[in-house]
Amino acid sequence: MSTARHDVTEPVSADPVFAERYRAMSARDARFDGQFITGVHSTGIYCRPSCPAVTPKPGNVSFYLTAAAAHEAGLRACKRCLPDAVPGSPEWNIRDDLAARAMRLIADGTVEREGVPGLARRLGYTPRHLNRVLTAELGAGPLALARAHRAQTARLLLTGTDLPITDVAFAAGFSSVRQFNETMAEVYRLTPGAIRTAARRSPAAAHRGPGAVTLSLRLPARAPFDGASVLGFLGARAIEGMESSGTAGAEYARALRLPHGPAAVRLTLTGTPAVPAVQCEAALADIADLAPLVARVRRLLDLDADAEAIDAVLASDPALAPRVAASPGLRLPGAVDAEEIVFRALIGQQVSVAAARTALTRLTDALGEPIALPVPGGDGTFTRLFPTAAAIAERGREVLRGPARRVDAIIGVATELAEGRLVIDVGESRDDLEQRLLALPGVGPWTAGYIALRVLGSPDVLLTGDLALRQGATRLGLPSEPRALAEYGTRWAPWRSYAGLHLWRS
């Protein structure tokens, strides 16, 4: 259920979900910030669970999964606790239903680019059915959900940059400044200028260069957060000319393709262990790509994962407990480009990380789109974007090396993607995605599972066919034979993807 409302005379414990959330809110437990929203009808505001305000009576409270549902109920955001200035809900990666898939696409800006009909088409349903399901599940339809996401993006820009307010409006996805002003006043009861003033700190620099917009944003993460591990994972696989990394997982930078043009981003760790964050410095060809960029970076670093819940389940296994204690808050590396992950998986299967990196660098040098983007806030220049599926389908045989069957498989998948018969994005369900991949020649369970893990953020994929993972299991005294390891791994559900990361690291 998306909401829960109780009369003041009704016992708080009558509804277990309501009772659990009310206890978390009463304890001002920050672990639940972003996982649900507290609507207080006596004051007309909605808050994060840890809001320091006086605890409201149960009869005055409703709980919502989305800010849009609170807006639909006539509530405005609390000016004291800023409920949208927290990591997002982990629900949209954990769940694989229509509502979760829609939320992933909405965060990526699909409604702004394609409208609700385009969103519905991507999900395989009619707009009417999609609206009905989202309203029932999340308390708001796709337009209201997209509007709430635009408002949150705008607030992030107003408080974190000195971009002109007109630029903020269009960067957040609003179609006009008037619509922007009306929405911000309705959601926050403040003008955009007042929101910026109320931030009470000097905003980070943001300016337009020749054909580009550069800015710096602070992206909150849910604690605990082992950011060095995920940046280190990405850095170890960095493709020269397209990616770069610092030492010991201190930073990671890359060029990427966004809906309106190329971009470059540099990510560094900031904040404290209790309140971790990532500093995101970016250069965009079009400011309208900011919201998709933020959504993709959050998914790339798995910033919204409920790390405490994951660690608690994995640490209950004595074999994994020391690993969890040594690396609390381990994150799944995600994707900023779904098709890129497909080719990383196909080229990287059954070879070492170093060999895969060499092959991918050769492919990118030969077929990637030439660019000249300076690393934001750092040294060096990016010279290539990852090759498109069309480029690989057309000229991949000139570059790819290895067994003929493997090259055939890569070219075959590239052709399916280029001609639109295979679509891979965050709006897919894991089962459908894996079934379509496994139907292609040369694609096995490891490849399909790895793509689901990286592209969808699927939390419950255990790649028992991975040699390094099985070697890690052996070192921890666990079964190494695939079937036996899969059976043992059922105790880690629904977090087997994270258990696999611990096995890899061991």
Protein backbone atom coordinates (compact mmCIF):
# COMPACT_ATOMS: atom_id res chain seq x y z
CA MET A 1 0.00 0.00 0.00
CA SER A 2 1.21 3.49 -0.75
CA THR A 3 -0.45 5.17 2.24
CA ALA A 4 -1.69 4.31 5.69
CA ARG A 5 -4.00 6.57 7.72
CA HIS A 6 -5.30 5.91 11.22
CA ASP A 7 -7.82 7.65 13.40
CA VAL A 8 -6.41 8.98 16.65
CA THR A 9 -8.59 6.62 18.68
CA GLU A 10 -7.34 3.55 16.82
CA PRO A 11 -4.32 1.72 18.29
CA VAL A 12 -1.11 2.41 16.45
CA SER A 13 -0.36 -1.32 16.18
CA ALA A 14 -3.59 -2.14 14.30
CA ASP A 15 -1.69 -2.06 11.00
CA PRO A 16 1.79 -3.65 11.28
CA VAL A 17 3.22 -1.52 8.44
CA PHE A 18 1.85 1.68 9.94
CA ALA A 19 3.08 0.68 13.40
CA GLU A 20 6.61 -0.03 12.13
CA ARG A 21 6.81 3.28 10.31
CA TYR A 22 5.32 5.21 13.19
CA ARG A 23 7.95 3.74 15.55
CA ALA A 24 10.72 4.70 13.14
CA MET A 25 9.32 8.23 12.86
CA SER A 26 8.90 8.56 16.63
CA ALA A 27 12.53 7.48 17.11
CA ARG A 28 13.62 9.95 14.39
CA ASP A 29 15.52 7.07 12.80
CA ALA A 30 17.52 8.47 9.87
CA ARG A 31 17.96 4.99 8.39
CA PHE A 32 14.43 5.29 7.01
CA ASP A 33 14.91 8.68 5.36
CA GLY A 34 14.00 8.33 1.71
CA GLN A 35 12.34 4.95 2.22
CA PHE A 36 8.99 6.50 3.06
CA ILE A 37 7.52 9.95 3.69
CA THR A 38 5.53 11.10 6.71
CA GLY A 39 2.50 13.21 5.87
CA VAL A 40 1.21 15.34 8.78
CA HIS A 41 -2.31 16.47 7.98
CA SER A 42 -2.68 18.76 11.00
CA THR A 43 0.12 20.97 9.65
CA GLY A 44 -0.28 20.26 5.92
CA ILE A 45 3.36 19.22 5.44
CA TYR A 46 5.32 16.06 4.68
CA CYS A 47 8.63 15.19 6.31
CA ARG A 48 11.45 12.69 6.34
CA PRO A 49 11.12 10.13 9.21
CA SER A 50 14.00 11.76 11.13
CA CYS A 51 12.44 15.23 11.16
CA PRO A 52 13.19 16.84 14.57
CA ALA A 53 9.68 18.34 14.86
CA VAL A 54 7.30 17.22 17.62
CA THR A 55 5.93 13.72 16.92
CA PRO A 56 2.39 14.03 15.54
CA LYS A 57 -0.52 11.96 16.79
CA PRO A 58 -1.21 8.76 14.84
CA GLY A 59 -4.56 10.05 13.62
CA ASN A 60 -2.88 12.99 11.92
CA VAL A 61 -0.34 10.88 10.04
CA SER A 62 -0.24 9.17 6.65
CA PHE A 63 2.78 7.42 5.20
CA TYR A 64 3.63 7.63 1.50
CA LEU A 65 6.16 5.92 -0.75
CA THR A 66 6.59 8.97 -2.99
CA ALA A 67 6.64 12.74 -2.68
CA ALA A 68 4.15 12.86 -5.55
CA ALA A 69 1.57 11.01 -3.44
CA ALA A 70 2.04 13.58 -0.66
CA HIS A 71 1.59 16.40 -3.20
CA GLU A 72 -1.60 14.75 -4.46
CA ALA A 73 -2.86 14.72 -0.85
CA GLY A 74 -2.37 18.50 -0.70
CA LEU A 75 0.79 18.45 1.45
CA ARG A 76 3.91 20.58 0.99
CA ALA A 77 7.53 19.77 1.79
CA CYS A 78 8.81 20.58 5.28
CA LYS A 79 11.19 23.55 5.22
CA ARG A 80 12.96 22.28 8.32
CA CYS A 81 13.97 18.73 7.36
CA LEU A 82 13.92 19.02 3.51
CA PRO A 83 12.52 15.52 2.89
CA ASP A 84 13.84 15.31 -0.68
CA ALA A 85 17.45 16.13 0.30
CA VAL A 86 18.15 12.51 1.20
CA PRO A 87 19.06 9.34 -0.72
CA GLY A 88 16.20 7.94 -2.75
CA SER A 89 14.15 4.87 -1.98
CA PRO A 90 15.87 1.49 -2.47
CA GLU A 91 12.45 0.08 -3.41
CA TRP A 92 12.90 0.74 -7.13
CA ASN A 93 15.89 -1.61 -7.40
CA ILE A 94 14.61 -4.23 -4.98
CA ARG A 95 11.23 -4.46 -6.67
CA ASP A 96 10.86 -5.63 -10.24
CA ASP A 97 7.18 -4.92 -10.79
CA LEU A 98 5.59 -2.38 -13.13
CA ALA A 99 5.62 0.43 -10.57
CA ALA A 100 9.33 0.02 -9.83
CA ARG A 101 10.25 -0.19 -13.51
CA ALA A 102 8.23 2.95 -14.18
CA MET A 103 9.98 4.80 -11.35
CA ARG A 104 13.39 3.92 -12.79
CA LEU A 105 12.40 5.31 -16.18
CA ILE A 106 10.77 8.42 -14.69
CA ALA A 107 13.98 9.20 -12.78
CA ASP A 108 15.89 8.87 -16.06
CA GLY A 109 13.72 11.59 -17.64
CA THR A 110 11.63 9.42 -19.96
CA VAL A 111 8.44 11.44 -19.38
CA GLU A 112 10.21 14.69 -20.23
CA ARG A 113 11.61 13.22 -23.47
CA GLU A 114 8.78 10.94 -24.62
CA GLY A 115 5.72 11.89 -22.58
CA VAL A 116 3.46 9.45 -20.75
CA PRO A 117 2.61 7.59 -24.00
CA GLY A 118 6.34 6.98 -24.53
CA LEU A 119 6.75 5.77 -20.94
CA ALA A 120 3.81 3.41 -21.31
CA ARG A 121 5.13 2.12 -24.64
CA ARG A 122 8.55 1.39 -23.10
CA LEU A 123 6.82 -0.61 -20.35
CA GLY A 124 4.47 -2.45 -22.71
CA TYR A 125 1.15 -1.10 -21.39
CA THR A 126 -1.44 1.48 -22.35
CA PRO A 127 -1.19 4.93 -20.69
CA ARG A 128 -4.55 4.34 -19.02
CA HIS A 129 -3.48 1.05 -17.44
CA LEU A 130 -0.15 2.51 -16.37
CA ASN A 131 -1.87 5.47 -14.70
CA ARG A 132 -4.24 3.13 -12.89
CA VAL A 133 -1.45 0.88 -11.58
CA LEU A 134 0.82 3.73 -10.44
CA THR A 135 -2.02 5.56 -8.73
CA ALA A 136 -3.01 2.40 -6.86
CA GLU A 137 0.56 1.38 -5.96
CA LEU A 138 2.26 4.74 -5.39
CA GLY A 139 -0.56 7.21 -4.77
CA ALA A 140 0.09 9.24 -7.93
CA GLY A 141 0.06 8.84 -11.70
CA PRO A 142 3.05 9.17 -14.04
CA LEU A 143 2.60 12.90 -14.68
CA ALA A 144 2.50 13.68 -10.95
CA LEU A 145 5.50 11.41 -10.28
CA ALA A 146 7.51 13.11 -13.03
CA ARG A 147 6.48 16.54 -11.74
CA ALA A 148 7.69 15.67 -8.23
CA HIS A 149 10.99 14.44 -9.64
CA ARG A 150 11.42 17.71 -11.56
CA ALA A 151 10.77 19.71 -8.39
CA GLN A 152 13.39 17.70 -6.47
CA THR A 153 15.95 18.15 -9.23
CA ALA A 154 15.26 21.89 -9.29
CA ARG A 155 15.71 22.18 -5.53
CA LEU A 156 19.03 20.34 -5.80
CA LEU A 157 20.20 22.87 -8.40
CA LEU A 158 18.89 25.90 -6.54
CA THR A 159 20.66 24.95 -3.32
CA GLY A 160 23.80 23.43 -4.85
CA THR A 161 24.70 25.69 -7.79
CA ASP A 162 24.54 29.31 -8.88
CA LEU A 163 22.96 28.51 -12.24
CA PRO A 164 20.51 31.24 -13.33
CA ILE A 165 16.98 30.37 -12.26
CA THR A 166 15.82 30.16 -15.88
CA ASP A 167 18.52 27.57 -16.58
CA VAL A 168 17.46 25.65 -13.48
CA ALA A 169 13.89 25.46 -14.77
CA PHE A 170 14.86 23.86 -18.07
CA ALA A 171 17.60 21.70 -16.55
CA ALA A 172 15.04 20.15 -14.22
CA GLY A 173 12.76 19.35 -17.16
CA PHE A 174 10.09 22.04 -16.87
CA SER A 175 8.61 23.21 -20.18
CA SER A 176 8.34 26.85 -19.09
CA VAL A 177 9.51 29.19 -16.35
CA ARG A 178 5.90 29.83 -15.40
CA GLN A 179 5.25 26.11 -14.86
CA PHE A 180 8.47 25.92 -12.84
CA ASN A 181 7.53 28.83 -10.57
CA GLU A 182 4.02 27.50 -9.98
CA THR A 183 5.25 23.99 -9.14
CA MET A 184 7.96 25.15 -6.75
CA ALA A 185 5.53 27.46 -4.96
CA GLU A 186 2.98 24.66 -4.63
CA VAL A 187 5.45 22.02 -3.44
CA TYR A 188 7.68 24.14 -1.20
CA ARG A 189 5.54 27.24 -0.50
CA LEU A 190 8.60 29.28 -1.53
CA THR A 191 9.72 30.97 -4.72
CA PRO A 192 12.82 29.54 -6.42
CA GLY A 193 14.81 32.57 -5.29
CA ALA A 194 13.70 32.09 -1.69
CA ILE A 195 14.70 28.41 -1.82
CA ARG A 196 18.17 29.42 -2.93
CA THR A 197 18.44 32.06 -0.22
CA ALA A 198 17.21 29.66 2.47
CA ALA A 199 20.04 27.22 1.67
CA ARG A 200 22.31 29.51 3.77
CA ARG A 201 25.53 28.51 2.12
CA SER A 202 27.60 29.56 -0.84
CA PRO A 203 26.55 27.54 -3.87
CA ALA A 204 29.06 25.59 -5.89
CA ALA A 205 30.25 27.10 -9.12
CA ALA A 206 28.21 26.45 -12.22
CA HIS A 207 28.69 28.21 -15.50
CA ARG A 208 28.31 27.96 -19.23
CA GLY A 209 31.42 27.47 -21.31
CA PRO A 210 31.61 27.31 -25.09
CA GLY A 211 28.89 24.81 -25.93
CA ALA A 212 28.86 23.26 -22.44
CA VAL A 213 27.55 23.70 -18.91
CA THR A 214 29.83 22.78 -16.01
CA LEU A 215 28.63 22.31 -12.45
CA SER A 216 29.35 20.53 -9.18
CA LEU A 217 26.74 18.76 -7.07
CA ARG A 218 26.81 16.85 -3.79
CA LEU A 219 24.88 13.57 -4.03
CA PRO A 220 23.93 12.02 -0.67
CA ALA A 221 24.42 8.30 -0.06
CA ARG A 222 22.77 6.00 2.45
CA ALA A 223 25.13 4.96 5.26
CA PRO A 224 27.15 2.83 5.58
CA PHE A 225 28.75 3.45 2.21
CA ASP A 226 31.90 1.69 0.99
CA GLY A 227 32.43 4.19 -1.81
CA ALA A 228 36.10 3.36 -2.28
CA SER A 229 35.24 -0.22 -3.27
CA VAL A 230 32.74 0.70 -5.98
CA LEU A 231 34.99 3.44 -7.38
CA GLY A 232 37.88 0.97 -7.29
CA PHE A 233 35.81 -1.64 -9.16
CA LEU A 234 35.01 0.86 -11.90
CA GLY A 235 38.56 2.19 -12.02
CA ALA A 236 40.08 -1.28 -12.41
CA ARG A 237 38.00 -1.72 -15.58
CA ALA A 238 38.53 1.81 -16.94
CA ILE A 239 38.87 2.11 -20.72
CA GLU A 240 41.72 4.42 -21.68
CA GLY A 241 40.54 7.56 -23.44
CA MET A 242 37.00 7.18 -22.03
CA GLU A 243 37.57 6.64 -18.30
CA SER A 244 40.17 7.44 -15.66
CA SER A 245 40.61 6.64 -11.98
CA GLY A 246 42.50 7.82 -8.93
CA THR A 247 44.48 5.67 -6.52
CA ALA A 248 42.77 3.42 -3.95
CA GLY A 249 39.29 4.20 -5.21
CA ALA A 250 39.65 7.91 -4.41
CA GLU A 251 38.02 9.09 -7.63
CA TYR A 252 36.59 7.92 -10.92
CA ALA A 253 35.86 9.92 -14.08
CA ARG A 254 34.42 9.08 -17.48
CA ALA A 255 32.83 10.34 -20.66
CA LEU A 256 29.32 9.17 -21.42
CA ARG A 257 26.52 9.57 -23.93
CA LEU A 258 23.36 11.30 -22.68
CA PRO A 259 20.05 11.92 -24.52
CA HIS A 260 21.08 15.36 -25.81
CA GLY A 261 24.82 14.89 -26.32
CA PRO A 262 28.11 13.80 -24.75
CA ALA A 263 29.07 14.59 -21.17
CA ALA A 264 31.96 14.08 -18.78
CA VAL A 265 31.73 13.45 -15.06
CA ARG A 266 34.22 13.17 -12.20
CA LEU A 267 33.18 11.48 -8.94
CA THR A 268 34.98 11.79 -5.60
CA LEU A 269 34.03 10.73 -2.09
CA THR A 270 33.00 13.38 0.43
CA GLY A 271 30.96 13.68 3.62
CA THR A 272 31.51 11.58 6.74
CA PRO A 273 30.96 7.89 7.56
CA ALA A 274 27.68 8.83 9.23
CA VAL A 275 26.57 11.15 6.41
CA PRO A 276 28.39 9.98 3.28
CA ALA A 277 28.13 11.64 -0.10
CA VAL A 278 29.71 11.82 -3.53
CA GLN A 279 30.86 15.05 -5.14
CA CYS A 280 29.81 15.03 -8.78
CA GLU A 281 31.56 17.44 -11.12
CA ALA A 282 30.07 17.40 -14.60
CA ALA A 283 30.31 19.01 -18.01
CA LEU A 284 27.15 18.72 -20.13
CA ALA A 285 26.52 19.49 -23.77
CA ASP A 286 22.91 20.32 -22.86
CA ILE A 287 21.64 21.33 -19.44
CA ALA A 288 18.47 19.30 -20.06
CA ASP A 289 20.60 16.19 -19.47
CA LEU A 290 21.25 16.99 -15.82
CA ALA A 291 18.38 14.92 -14.36
CA PRO A 292 19.30 11.79 -16.38
CA LEU A 293 22.94 12.27 -15.39
CA VAL A 294 22.13 12.43 -11.67
CA ALA A 295 19.84 9.39 -11.92
CA ARG A 296 22.48 7.37 -13.75
CA VAL A 297 25.28 8.32 -11.37
CA ARG A 298 23.12 7.34 -8.41
CA ARG A 299 22.50 3.97 -10.05
CA LEU A 300 26.14 3.58 -11.09
CA LEU A 301 27.26 3.88 -7.45
CA ASP A 302 24.15 2.25 -5.90
CA LEU A 303 23.77 5.28 -3.61
CA ASP A 304 20.21 4.42 -2.51
CA ALA A 305 20.82 0.85 -1.31
CA ASP A 306 19.60 -0.04 2.18
CA ALA A 307 23.08 -1.07 3.29
CA GLU A 308 22.16 -1.75 6.92
CA ALA A 309 19.46 -4.23 5.96
CA ILE A 310 21.75 -5.93 3.44
CA ASP A 311 24.66 -6.21 5.85
CA ALA A 312 22.42 -7.54 8.62
CA VAL A 313 21.26 -10.47 6.47
CA LEU A 314 24.73 -11.32 5.13
CA ALA A 315 26.43 -10.98 8.52
CA SER A 316 24.05 -13.58 9.96
CA ASP A 317 26.08 -16.17 8.00
CA PRO A 318 29.28 -16.86 10.02
CA ALA A 319 31.20 -17.45 6.78
CA LEU A 320 30.44 -13.94 5.50
CA ALA A 321 30.34 -12.06 8.81
CA PRO A 322 34.08 -11.16 8.85
CA ARG A 323 33.87 -9.90 5.26
CA VAL A 324 30.84 -7.74 6.04
CA ALA A 325 32.55 -6.34 9.14
CA ALA A 326 35.62 -5.48 7.05
CA SER A 327 33.62 -3.82 4.25
CA PRO A 328 30.30 -2.47 5.58
CA GLY A 329 28.10 -0.83 3.00
CA LEU A 330 29.47 -2.63 -0.07
CA ARG A 331 27.69 -1.44 -3.22
CA LEU A 332 26.74 -2.99 -6.56
CA PRO A 333 28.44 -1.25 -9.49
CA GLY A 334 25.71 -0.14 -11.88
CA ALA A 335 25.62 1.36 -15.36
CA VAL A 336 25.36 4.73 -17.08
CA ASP A 337 24.94 3.06 -20.50
CA ALA A 338 23.01 -0.21 -20.69
CA GLU A 339 24.34 -1.26 -24.10
CA GLU A 340 27.92 -0.65 -22.98
CA ILE A 341 27.43 -3.17 -20.16
CA VAL A 342 26.18 -5.75 -22.65
CA PHE A 343 29.44 -5.58 -24.61
CA ARG A 344 31.56 -5.43 -21.45
CA ALA A 345 29.88 -8.68 -20.37
CA LEU A 346 30.23 -10.39 -23.76
CA ILE A 347 33.88 -9.42 -24.18
CA GLY A 348 34.79 -9.94 -20.52
CA GLN A 349 33.35 -13.43 -20.06
CA GLN A 350 35.97 -16.15 -19.50
CA VAL A 351 38.92 -13.72 -19.63
CA SER A 352 40.76 -11.72 -16.99
CA VAL A 353 39.86 -8.15 -16.08
CA ALA A 354 43.12 -6.95 -17.65
CA ALA A 355 42.48 -8.83 -20.90
CA ALA A 356 38.93 -7.51 -21.11
CA ARG A 357 40.15 -3.98 -20.49
CA THR A 358 42.69 -4.29 -23.32
CA ALA A 359 40.08 -5.63 -25.75
CA LEU A 360 37.54 -2.95 -24.84
CA THR A 361 40.12 -0.18 -25.19
CA ARG A 362 41.05 -1.46 -28.65
CA LEU A 363 37.37 -1.57 -29.64
CA THR A 364 36.71 1.94 -28.33
CA ASP A 365 39.81 3.38 -30.02
CA ALA A 366 38.74 1.93 -33.35
CA LEU A 367 34.96 2.42 -33.32
CA GLY A 368 34.14 4.95 -30.58
CA GLU A 369 32.88 8.42 -31.44
CA PRO A 370 35.75 10.94 -31.25
CA ILE A 371 35.30 13.70 -28.65
CA ALA A 372 37.46 16.22 -26.81
CA LEU A 373 36.08 16.68 -23.30
CA PRO A 374 38.34 17.83 -20.44
CA VAL A 375 38.02 15.87 -17.22
CA PRO A 376 35.84 18.11 -14.99
CA GLY A 377 37.89 19.51 -12.12
CA GLY A 378 40.84 17.28 -13.02
CA ASP A 379 43.62 16.67 -15.49
CA GLY A 380 43.44 15.13 -18.93
CA THR A 381 40.96 14.93 -21.77
CA PHE A 382 38.52 12.24 -22.83
CA THR A 383 38.88 11.37 -26.51
CA ARG A 384 36.26 8.70 -27.17
CA LEU A 385 32.73 7.60 -26.31
CA PHE A 386 31.98 3.88 -26.13
CA PRO A 387 31.03 2.52 -29.58
CA THR A 388 27.36 2.30 -30.44
CA ALA A 389 25.76 -1.06 -31.18
CA ALA A 390 25.38 0.04 -34.82
CA ALA A 391 29.13 0.74 -35.12
CA ILE A 392 30.01 -2.65 -33.61
CA ALA A 393 27.52 -4.46 -35.85
CA GLU A 394 28.98 -2.78 -38.95
CA ARG A 395 32.72 -2.92 -38.24
CA GLY A 396 33.21 -5.08 -35.17
CA ARG A 397 34.73 -7.98 -37.11
CA GLU A 398 37.60 -5.72 -38.14
CA VAL A 399 38.58 -5.18 -34.51
CA LEU A 400 37.38 -8.07 -32.37
CA ARG A 401 39.73 -10.97 -31.76
CA GLY A 402 39.25 -14.43 -30.33
CA PRO A 403 37.23 -17.53 -31.18
CA ALA A 404 34.92 -17.13 -34.19
CA ARG A 405 31.87 -18.22 -32.19
CA ARG A 406 32.46 -15.50 -29.61
CA VAL A 407 32.93 -12.83 -32.29
CA ASP A 408 29.75 -14.07 -34.01
CA ALA A 409 27.86 -13.80 -30.72
CA ILE A 410 29.02 -10.21 -30.14
CA ILE A 411 28.15 -9.13 -33.69
CA GLY A 412 24.80 -10.91 -33.43
CA VAL A 413 23.84 -9.08 -30.23
CA ALA A 414 25.06 -5.78 -31.69
CA THR A 415 22.85 -6.29 -34.74
CA GLU A 416 19.81 -7.09 -32.59
CA LEU A 417 20.37 -3.91 -30.58
CA ALA A 418 21.08 -1.72 -33.61
CA GLU A 419 17.96 -2.87 -35.43
CA GLY A 420 15.73 -2.49 -32.39
CA ARG A 421 14.79 -6.14 -31.92
CA LEU A 422 16.58 -6.20 -28.57
CA VAL A 423 16.00 -3.36 -26.08
CA ILE A 424 17.92 -3.15 -22.81
CA ASP A 425 17.24 -0.40 -20.30
CA VAL A 426 16.23 0.19 -16.68
CA GLY A 427 12.56 -0.28 -17.55
CA GLU A 428 12.99 -4.01 -18.11
CA SER A 429 12.10 -6.76 -15.66
CA ARG A 430 14.88 -9.16 -14.78
CA ASP A 431 13.07 -12.29 -15.96
CA ASP A 432 12.11 -10.80 -19.34
CA LEU A 433 15.59 -9.37 -19.86
CA GLU A 434 17.37 -12.64 -19.07
CA GLN A 435 14.99 -14.68 -21.22
CA ARG A 436 15.56 -12.45 -24.25
CA LEU A 437 19.33 -12.54 -23.75
CA LEU A 438 19.48 -16.31 -23.27
CA ALA A 439 17.58 -16.79 -26.52
CA LEU A 440 20.50 -15.23 -28.43
CA PRO A 441 23.35 -17.45 -29.70
CA GLY A 442 26.44 -17.28 -27.52
CA VAL A 443 24.76 -15.69 -24.49
CA GLY A 444 24.84 -17.87 -21.38
CA PRO A 445 23.55 -17.59 -17.80
CA TRP A 446 26.65 -15.74 -16.52
CA THR A 447 26.37 -13.04 -19.18
CA ALA A 448 22.61 -12.60 -18.74
CA GLY A 449 22.94 -12.49 -14.95
CA TYR A 450 25.83 -10.01 -15.03
CA ILE A 451 23.86 -7.68 -17.33
CA ALA A 452 20.82 -7.84 -15.03
CA LEU A 453 23.03 -7.10 -12.03
CA ARG A 454 24.75 -4.10 -13.63
CA VAL A 455 21.91 -2.59 -15.70
CA LEU A 456 18.91 -3.21 -13.44
CA GLY A 457 20.73 -3.22 -10.11
CA SER A 458 19.09 -6.59 -9.42
CA PRO A 459 20.00 -7.39 -5.80
CA ASP A 460 19.52 -11.16 -5.91
CA VAL A 461 21.80 -12.49 -8.67
CA LEU A 462 24.45 -15.04 -7.65
CA LEU A 463 26.84 -15.69 -10.55
CA THR A 464 27.81 -19.22 -9.63
CA GLY A 465 29.41 -19.71 -13.05
CA ASP A 466 32.05 -17.07 -12.25
CA LEU A 467 35.46 -18.64 -11.54
CA ALA A 468 36.72 -15.80 -9.31
CA LEU A 469 33.51 -15.89 -7.28
CA ARG A 470 33.84 -19.66 -6.75
CA GLN A 471 37.49 -19.25 -5.75
CA GLY A 472 36.38 -16.67 -3.19
CA ALA A 473 33.81 -19.12 -1.87
CA THR A 474 36.51 -21.76 -1.47
CA ARG A 475 38.70 -19.37 0.54
CA LEU A 476 35.78 -18.77 2.91
CA GLY A 477 35.14 -22.49 3.32
CA LEU A 478 31.97 -22.46 1.23
CA PRO A 479 30.95 -24.85 -1.55
CA SER A 480 32.64 -24.05 -4.85
CA GLU A 481 30.69 -26.34 -7.16
CA PRO A 482 28.04 -24.17 -8.91
CA ARG A 483 24.97 -26.17 -7.92
CA ALA A 484 26.07 -26.58 -4.31
CA LEU A 485 27.01 -22.89 -4.04
CA ALA A 486 23.63 -21.87 -5.51
CA GLU A 487 21.85 -24.03 -2.93
CA TYR A 488 23.94 -22.62 -0.08
CA GLY A 489 23.37 -19.07 -1.34
CA THR A 490 19.61 -19.25 -0.83
CA ARG A 491 20.25 -18.17 2.78
CA TRP A 492 21.52 -14.81 1.46
CA ALA A 493 18.29 -13.97 -0.42
CA PRO A 494 17.22 -11.37 -1.39
CA TRP A 495 20.77 -9.97 -1.35
CA ARG A 496 22.75 -12.60 -3.26
CA SER A 497 24.26 -9.99 -5.60
CA TYR A 498 25.92 -8.31 -2.61
CA ALA A 499 27.06 -11.68 -1.24
CA GLY A 500 28.70 -12.30 -4.61
CA LEU A 501 30.63 -9.04 -4.27
CA HIS A 502 32.02 -10.21 -0.93
CA LEU A 503 33.05 -13.51 -2.53
CA TRP A 504 34.76 -11.69 -5.39
CA ARG A 505 36.66 -9.49 -2.94
CA SER A 506 37.80 -12.45 -0.89
